[in-house]
Amino acid sequence: MEVLAQQIAEWKPKKVAVQDRHTAEVLSNRLSGQSSVKILHGTGGYVEIATMTEVDTVVSAISGAAGLIPTYEAVRAGKQVALANKETMVMAGQLIMAEAAKRGSALLPIDSEHSAILQCLRGHSREDVKRVILTASGGPFLSFTPSEMKKVTAEQALKHPNWEMGPKVTIDSATLMNKGLEAIEAKWFFDLTMEKIGIVIHPQSIIHSMVEYNDGSIIAQLGVPDMTIPISYALAYPRHLKIDASPLDLWELESLTFEPVDTEKFPCLSLALEAAHLGGTMPTVLNAANEVAVQAFLEKRIGFTDIPMLIRKTMALHKPLSVETLGTVLKADSWARDKAKEFLAQKAKNGNS
């Protein structure tokens, strides 16, 4: 709250949106007599800001499904959207891309992996692309045994070896769900089939992704693990701005290593790829169940290995529907959250057995 108040004082925006009414009231009281800014809240507030006439570029970085509607409305309003909220594409990539084409809205990725792919594709014919290869650090538990994975705590899972991120994304990185969501996002962003998307473990997080072409050439984008780089590229596209990020010193790199993904150890990735192949509303259900499971894990109501179990149970009860409208997506999202919460309640009733 204090940081936001300081930002308002420095930048003097016309409007600011926060998550809920209570936060809006507290912020308004905090700024009383100091600023004329209009304080909005909730989805309606985010949409109002994202569709303002004065806005030309919207950075969509709200975590989780909450970012879907504001992003969708920004696209419909013809805004350029720099997208960090991968859940938007997972849930409604088909609708988002169709609206972007219809409205002439530019969509640019902020995720380091998709930013890397965008850079590796520039200047090359799309028909020559054999596949894109997403890199994954493997998270903090790459070398853990199955028995060690069962004992993982939230505190351990929140310590990513290479990146500083919010709690939800950090847990997704630890389970490798994040990489599954990114694969689905890449499908829509770059108009690919899932068969043309590969994933490889690269613990150093120096190569952010690669594109393999039909002649066997592989073009990679390298850089230090610093989100300033893909953010600046999205905002200045196609320019590469001079920024304060540390340079990559190739001579100091001991090695760049790669290994295949163990989907038995990281079943969340397998579930995400399964949802992508099933299509329709199944990725929406995957995402919703995952959000419920991650929150329960952070609140220490379930264990680390319970996350994929809860997702799998929820997916098993869903018959995917064709994604024709945003209403269909939102209905599937709500259903999945309710079902996942039912499973959590049942688990608690049974003593977490």
Protein backbone atom coordinates (compact mmCIF):
# COMPACT_ATOMS: atom_id res chain seq x y z
CA MET A 1 0.00 0.00 0.00
CA GLU A 2 2.77 2.41 0.95
CA VAL A 3 4.68 1.73 -2.26
CA LEU A 4 1.55 2.30 -4.36
CA ALA A 5 0.88 5.57 -2.53
CA GLN A 6 4.43 6.69 -3.28
CA GLN A 7 4.03 5.77 -6.94
CA ILE A 8 0.80 7.77 -7.15
CA ALA A 9 2.52 10.78 -5.58
CA GLU A 10 5.40 10.54 -8.07
CA TRP A 11 3.54 9.78 -11.29
CA LYS A 12 0.16 11.44 -10.61
CA PRO A 13 -2.05 9.06 -12.64
CA LYS A 14 -5.70 9.92 -13.38
CA LYS A 15 -6.94 6.52 -12.22
CA VAL A 16 -5.67 3.58 -10.17
CA ALA A 17 -7.36 0.21 -9.74
CA VAL A 18 -6.83 -2.15 -6.81
CA GLN A 19 -8.13 -5.61 -6.03
CA ASP A 20 -11.13 -4.95 -3.79
CA ARG A 21 -13.37 -2.29 -2.27
CA HIS A 22 -11.69 -2.42 1.15
CA THR A 23 -8.24 -1.79 -0.33
CA ALA A 24 -9.70 1.05 -2.41
CA GLU A 25 -11.17 2.67 0.70
CA VAL A 26 -7.93 2.34 2.66
CA LEU A 27 -5.95 3.82 -0.22
CA SER A 28 -8.43 6.68 -0.65
CA ASN A 29 -8.11 7.52 3.05
CA ARG A 30 -4.34 7.30 2.79
CA LEU A 31 -4.33 9.81 -0.10
CA SER A 32 -7.04 12.10 1.27
CA GLY A 33 -6.19 15.70 0.44
CA GLN A 34 -2.94 14.69 -1.29
CA SER A 35 -4.11 13.48 -4.70
CA SER A 36 -7.06 13.81 -7.08
CA VAL A 37 -6.56 10.31 -8.45
CA LYS A 38 -9.72 8.24 -8.96
CA ILE A 39 -9.46 4.93 -7.06
CA LEU A 40 -11.22 1.99 -8.73
CA HIS A 41 -11.39 -1.63 -7.68
CA GLY A 42 -12.05 -5.15 -8.95
CA THR A 43 -12.46 -6.41 -12.49
CA GLY A 44 -14.54 -3.39 -13.48
CA GLY A 45 -11.79 -1.06 -12.33
CA TYR A 46 -9.10 -2.93 -14.24
CA VAL A 47 -11.25 -2.93 -17.38
CA GLU A 48 -11.91 0.81 -17.09
CA ILE A 49 -8.19 1.56 -16.96
CA ALA A 50 -7.26 -0.95 -19.68
CA THR A 51 -9.75 0.59 -22.11
CA MET A 52 -9.12 4.29 -21.42
CA THR A 53 -8.89 6.40 -24.59
CA GLU A 54 -5.52 7.78 -23.48
CA VAL A 55 -4.01 4.28 -23.15
CA ASP A 56 -2.06 2.90 -26.11
CA THR A 57 -0.26 -0.03 -24.46
CA VAL A 58 -1.61 -2.29 -21.70
CA VAL A 59 0.82 -4.39 -19.68
CA SER A 60 -1.19 -7.36 -18.46
CA ALA A 61 0.60 -8.78 -15.44
CA ILE A 62 -2.19 -9.68 -13.00
CA SER A 63 -1.52 -13.17 -11.69
CA GLY A 64 -3.95 -15.96 -12.55
CA ALA A 65 -7.40 -16.01 -14.13
CA ALA A 66 -8.16 -12.54 -12.74
CA GLY A 67 -6.25 -11.08 -15.67
CA LEU A 68 -8.47 -12.64 -18.34
CA ILE A 69 -11.36 -10.15 -18.61
CA PRO A 70 -9.26 -6.93 -18.44
CA THR A 71 -6.89 -8.33 -21.07
CA TYR A 72 -9.73 -9.46 -23.32
CA GLU A 73 -11.38 -6.03 -23.10
CA ALA A 74 -8.08 -4.27 -23.80
CA VAL A 75 -7.69 -6.36 -26.97
CA ARG A 76 -11.29 -5.61 -27.98
CA ALA A 77 -10.56 -1.91 -27.48
CA GLY A 78 -7.72 -2.16 -30.00
CA LYS A 79 -4.92 -1.63 -27.49
CA GLN A 80 -1.43 -3.01 -27.89
CA VAL A 81 -1.10 -5.61 -25.14
CA ALA A 82 2.20 -6.67 -23.58
CA LEU A 83 1.22 -9.95 -21.96
CA ALA A 84 2.78 -11.43 -18.84
CA ASN A 85 -0.43 -13.14 -17.74
CA LYS A 86 -0.09 -16.56 -19.39
CA GLU A 87 -3.35 -17.78 -17.85
CA THR A 88 -5.23 -15.50 -20.26
CA MET A 89 -3.88 -17.45 -23.23
CA VAL A 90 -4.28 -20.81 -21.49
CA MET A 91 -7.95 -20.17 -20.78
CA ALA A 92 -8.99 -18.28 -23.90
CA GLY A 93 -6.12 -18.14 -26.37
CA GLN A 94 -8.43 -18.91 -29.28
CA LEU A 95 -10.74 -16.00 -28.42
CA ILE A 96 -7.91 -13.59 -27.64
CA MET A 97 -6.10 -14.21 -30.92
CA ALA A 98 -9.33 -13.99 -32.92
CA GLU A 99 -10.23 -10.66 -31.32
CA ALA A 100 -6.68 -9.34 -31.83
CA ALA A 101 -6.89 -10.16 -35.55
CA LYS A 102 -10.34 -8.62 -35.80
CA ARG A 103 -9.46 -5.40 -33.97
CA GLY A 104 -5.91 -5.01 -35.25
CA SER A 105 -4.54 -5.25 -31.70
CA ALA A 106 -0.86 -6.14 -31.31
CA LEU A 107 -0.06 -8.85 -28.77
CA LEU A 108 3.52 -9.01 -27.52
CA PRO A 109 4.86 -11.51 -24.96
CA ILE A 110 6.60 -10.51 -21.76
CA ASP A 111 7.42 -14.03 -20.53
CA SER A 112 11.14 -14.50 -21.13
CA GLU A 113 10.53 -17.75 -23.04
CA HIS A 114 8.03 -16.29 -25.48
CA SER A 115 10.03 -13.12 -25.87
CA ALA A 116 12.98 -15.32 -26.82
CA ILE A 117 10.90 -17.19 -29.40
CA LEU A 118 9.67 -13.91 -30.87
CA GLN A 119 13.26 -12.74 -31.28
CA CYS A 120 14.40 -16.07 -32.77
CA LEU A 121 11.60 -15.94 -35.35
CA ARG A 122 12.37 -12.45 -36.64
CA GLY A 123 13.72 -12.44 -40.18
CA HIS A 124 12.83 -16.07 -40.83
CA SER A 125 10.02 -17.66 -42.81
CA ARG A 126 7.41 -19.24 -40.55
CA GLU A 127 6.99 -22.14 -42.96
CA ASP A 128 10.61 -23.11 -42.28
CA VAL A 129 10.00 -23.61 -38.53
CA LYS A 130 10.32 -27.22 -37.42
CA ARG A 131 9.60 -26.58 -33.74
CA VAL A 132 10.12 -24.16 -30.88
CA ILE A 133 11.95 -25.34 -27.78
CA LEU A 134 11.02 -23.89 -24.38
CA THR A 135 13.71 -24.07 -21.72
CA ALA A 136 12.94 -24.80 -18.07
CA SER A 137 15.30 -24.33 -15.14
CA GLY A 138 13.83 -27.37 -13.43
CA GLY A 139 13.16 -25.34 -10.30
CA PRO A 140 14.57 -26.07 -6.84
CA PHE A 141 13.68 -29.78 -6.83
CA LEU A 142 15.33 -30.99 -10.01
CA SER A 143 17.57 -33.44 -8.15
CA PHE A 144 15.00 -34.50 -5.53
CA THR A 145 13.87 -38.11 -5.22
CA PRO A 146 10.13 -38.96 -5.20
CA SER A 147 10.26 -39.47 -1.42
CA GLU A 148 11.93 -36.08 -0.96
CA MET A 149 9.28 -34.44 -3.13
CA LYS A 150 6.56 -35.61 -0.72
CA LYS A 151 8.24 -33.67 2.11
CA VAL A 152 8.65 -30.37 0.23
CA THR A 153 7.46 -27.33 2.20
CA ALA A 154 6.04 -24.07 0.89
CA GLU A 155 9.13 -22.27 2.18
CA GLN A 156 11.38 -24.54 0.11
CA ALA A 157 9.22 -24.24 -3.00
CA LEU A 158 9.29 -20.44 -2.84
CA LYS A 159 13.08 -20.37 -3.21
CA HIS A 160 13.62 -20.42 -6.97
CA PRO A 161 17.29 -20.86 -7.91
CA ASN A 162 17.36 -18.25 -10.69
CA TRP A 163 14.32 -15.95 -10.72
CA GLU A 164 12.52 -13.67 -8.26
CA MET A 165 8.77 -13.98 -8.90
CA GLY A 166 5.44 -13.86 -7.12
CA PRO A 167 4.41 -16.84 -4.96
CA LYS A 168 1.95 -18.42 -7.42
CA VAL A 169 4.37 -18.33 -10.37
CA THR A 170 7.21 -19.58 -8.15
CA ILE A 171 5.20 -22.62 -7.05
CA ASP A 172 4.20 -23.26 -10.67
CA SER A 173 7.89 -23.21 -11.57
CA ALA A 174 8.64 -25.70 -8.80
CA THR A 175 5.97 -28.13 -10.08
CA LEU A 176 6.82 -27.35 -13.75
CA MET A 177 3.17 -26.44 -14.29
CA ASN A 178 4.52 -23.08 -15.41
CA LYS A 179 6.22 -24.73 -18.37
CA GLY A 180 3.01 -26.51 -19.33
CA LEU A 181 1.09 -23.23 -19.23
CA GLU A 182 3.83 -21.65 -21.34
CA ALA A 183 3.57 -24.44 -23.91
CA ILE A 184 -0.17 -23.76 -24.28
CA GLU A 185 0.53 -20.03 -24.47
CA ALA A 186 3.13 -20.62 -27.21
CA LYS A 187 0.60 -22.63 -29.20
CA TRP A 188 -1.69 -19.61 -29.46
CA PHE A 189 0.92 -16.86 -29.61
CA PHE A 190 2.81 -18.41 -32.52
CA ASP A 191 0.03 -20.44 -34.19
CA LEU A 192 1.65 -23.82 -33.53
CA THR A 193 0.42 -27.35 -33.01
CA MET A 194 1.49 -28.94 -29.73
CA GLU A 195 3.63 -31.37 -31.73
CA LYS A 196 5.81 -28.42 -32.74
CA ILE A 197 6.55 -27.41 -29.14
CA GLY A 198 9.42 -29.03 -27.25
CA ILE A 199 10.58 -28.56 -23.65
CA VAL A 200 14.08 -29.10 -22.29
CA ILE A 201 15.59 -28.66 -18.83
CA HIS A 202 18.31 -25.99 -18.82
CA PRO A 203 19.27 -25.31 -15.18
CA GLN A 204 21.36 -22.19 -15.83
CA SER A 205 18.43 -20.17 -17.31
CA ILE A 206 20.78 -18.46 -19.76
CA ILE A 207 19.15 -19.72 -22.96
CA HIS A 208 15.55 -18.55 -22.65
CA SER A 209 14.18 -20.52 -25.59
CA MET A 210 15.13 -21.69 -29.07
CA VAL A 211 13.64 -22.17 -32.53
CA GLU A 212 14.66 -25.14 -34.67
CA TYR A 213 14.32 -24.81 -38.44
CA ASN A 214 13.79 -27.45 -41.12
CA ASP A 215 17.47 -27.51 -42.11
CA GLY A 216 18.53 -28.40 -38.57
CA SER A 217 19.61 -24.89 -37.59
CA ILE A 218 18.72 -23.89 -34.03
CA ILE A 219 18.61 -20.21 -33.12
CA ALA A 220 18.65 -19.36 -29.43
CA GLN A 221 18.24 -16.18 -27.38
CA LEU A 222 20.65 -15.83 -24.45
CA GLY A 223 20.70 -13.39 -21.57
CA VAL A 224 20.99 -13.09 -17.81
CA PRO A 225 17.83 -14.06 -15.86
CA ASP A 226 16.41 -10.55 -15.59
CA MET A 227 12.79 -9.75 -16.48
CA THR A 228 13.78 -6.18 -17.33
CA ILE A 229 15.00 -7.51 -20.69
CA PRO A 230 11.78 -9.09 -22.04
CA ILE A 231 9.66 -6.31 -20.52
CA SER A 232 11.69 -3.62 -22.27
CA TYR A 233 11.60 -5.57 -25.55
CA ALA A 234 7.80 -5.83 -25.43
CA LEU A 235 7.43 -2.11 -24.70
CA ALA A 236 9.93 -1.01 -27.36
CA TYR A 237 9.32 -3.75 -29.96
CA PRO A 238 11.10 -4.27 -32.30
CA ARG A 239 13.84 -2.12 -30.71
CA HIS A 240 16.37 -3.34 -28.14
CA LEU A 241 16.72 -0.50 -25.63
CA LYS A 242 19.77 0.27 -23.58
CA ILE A 243 18.80 -0.75 -20.03
CA ASP A 244 20.47 -1.33 -16.67
CA ALA A 245 20.40 -5.14 -16.82
CA SER A 246 23.72 -6.86 -16.17
CA PRO A 247 25.49 -7.99 -19.36
CA LEU A 248 25.95 -11.69 -20.04
CA ASP A 249 29.65 -12.52 -19.63
CA LEU A 250 30.18 -15.64 -21.75
CA TRP A 251 33.68 -16.13 -20.38
CA GLU A 252 32.35 -16.56 -16.84
CA LEU A 253 29.91 -19.31 -17.79
CA GLU A 254 31.19 -22.66 -16.62
CA SER A 255 28.76 -24.62 -18.77
CA LEU A 256 25.35 -24.68 -20.41
CA THR A 257 23.66 -28.02 -19.81
CA PHE A 258 20.45 -29.63 -21.01
CA GLU A 259 18.45 -32.69 -20.02
CA PRO A 260 15.04 -34.18 -20.82
CA VAL A 261 12.02 -33.49 -18.61
CA ASP A 262 10.98 -36.22 -16.18
CA THR A 263 7.19 -35.99 -16.36
CA GLU A 264 6.81 -38.77 -13.78
CA LYS A 265 8.60 -36.63 -11.22
CA PHE A 266 6.76 -33.50 -12.43
CA PRO A 267 3.24 -34.72 -13.30
CA CYS A 268 1.86 -31.18 -13.47
CA LEU A 269 3.64 -30.71 -16.78
CA SER A 270 2.18 -33.95 -18.08
CA LEU A 271 -1.31 -32.82 -17.04
CA ALA A 272 -0.87 -29.48 -18.81
CA LEU A 273 0.21 -31.15 -22.04
CA GLU A 274 -2.71 -33.56 -21.76
CA ALA A 275 -5.11 -30.64 -21.32
CA ALA A 276 -3.60 -28.92 -24.35
CA HIS A 277 -4.15 -32.00 -26.52
CA LEU A 278 -7.74 -32.42 -25.28
CA GLY A 279 -8.37 -28.76 -26.01
CA GLY A 280 -11.60 -26.85 -25.60
CA THR A 281 -12.26 -25.88 -21.99
CA MET A 282 -9.89 -28.47 -20.53
CA PRO A 283 -6.95 -26.01 -20.25
CA THR A 284 -9.30 -23.66 -18.39
CA VAL A 285 -10.16 -26.43 -15.93
CA LEU A 286 -6.47 -27.33 -15.55
CA ASN A 287 -5.62 -23.71 -14.77
CA ALA A 288 -8.47 -23.21 -12.28
CA ALA A 289 -7.75 -26.42 -10.39
CA ASN A 290 -4.08 -25.53 -10.28
CA GLU A 291 -4.79 -22.09 -8.81
CA VAL A 292 -6.93 -23.64 -6.08
CA ALA A 293 -4.31 -26.33 -5.38
CA VAL A 294 -1.39 -23.88 -5.25
CA GLN A 295 -3.24 -21.61 -2.84
CA ALA A 296 -4.06 -24.59 -0.62
CA PHE A 297 -0.39 -25.62 -0.65
CA LEU A 298 0.76 -22.11 0.25
CA GLU A 299 -1.73 -22.18 3.13
CA LYS A 300 -0.29 -25.57 4.19
CA ARG A 301 -3.61 -27.36 3.76
CA ILE A 302 -2.15 -29.89 1.29
CA GLY A 303 1.28 -31.26 0.47
CA PHE A 304 3.40 -30.51 -2.58
CA THR A 305 2.60 -33.80 -4.32
CA ASP A 306 -1.11 -33.26 -3.63
CA ILE A 307 -1.15 -30.41 -6.17
CA PRO A 308 -1.15 -32.66 -9.27
CA MET A 309 -3.50 -35.14 -7.57
CA LEU A 310 -6.12 -32.42 -7.06
CA ILE A 311 -5.74 -31.20 -10.64
CA ARG A 312 -6.01 -34.73 -12.05
CA LYS A 313 -9.20 -35.44 -10.07
CA THR A 314 -10.81 -32.24 -11.31
CA MET A 315 -9.84 -32.82 -14.94
CA ALA A 316 -11.15 -36.39 -14.79
CA LEU A 317 -14.70 -35.13 -14.15
CA HIS A 318 -14.74 -32.58 -16.95
CA LYS A 319 -15.98 -33.08 -20.48
CA PRO A 320 -14.34 -30.34 -22.57
CA LEU A 321 -16.58 -27.93 -24.43
CA SER A 322 -15.74 -25.91 -27.50
CA VAL A 323 -14.53 -22.41 -26.63
CA GLU A 324 -16.95 -20.21 -28.54
CA THR A 325 -17.55 -17.40 -26.03
CA LEU A 326 -15.93 -15.89 -22.97
CA GLY A 327 -18.98 -17.02 -21.01
CA THR A 328 -18.13 -20.66 -21.76
CA VAL A 329 -14.61 -20.11 -20.44
CA LEU A 330 -15.77 -18.38 -17.27
CA LYS A 331 -18.36 -21.07 -16.59
CA ALA A 332 -15.72 -23.82 -16.92
CA ASP A 333 -13.38 -21.84 -14.66
CA SER A 334 -16.04 -21.47 -11.97
CA TRP A 335 -17.03 -25.15 -12.20
CA ALA A 336 -13.43 -26.30 -11.83
CA ARG A 337 -12.78 -24.07 -8.81
CA ASP A 338 -15.91 -25.34 -7.07
CA LYS A 339 -15.03 -28.96 -7.83
CA ALA A 340 -11.43 -28.57 -6.65
CA LYS A 341 -12.62 -26.94 -3.44
CA GLU A 342 -15.03 -29.85 -2.89
CA PHE A 343 -12.09 -32.25 -3.13
CA LEU A 344 -10.14 -30.11 -0.65
CA ALA A 345 -13.06 -30.11 1.78
CA GLN A 346 -13.39 -33.86 1.49
CA LYS A 347 -9.66 -34.32 2.08
CA ALA A 348 -9.82 -32.14 5.18
CA LYS A 349 -12.85 -34.07 6.43
CA ASN A 350 -10.95 -37.33 6.03
CA GLY A 351 -8.01 -35.99 7.98
CA ASN A 352 -5.79 -35.25 4.94
CA SER A 353 -5.48 -38.93 4.25
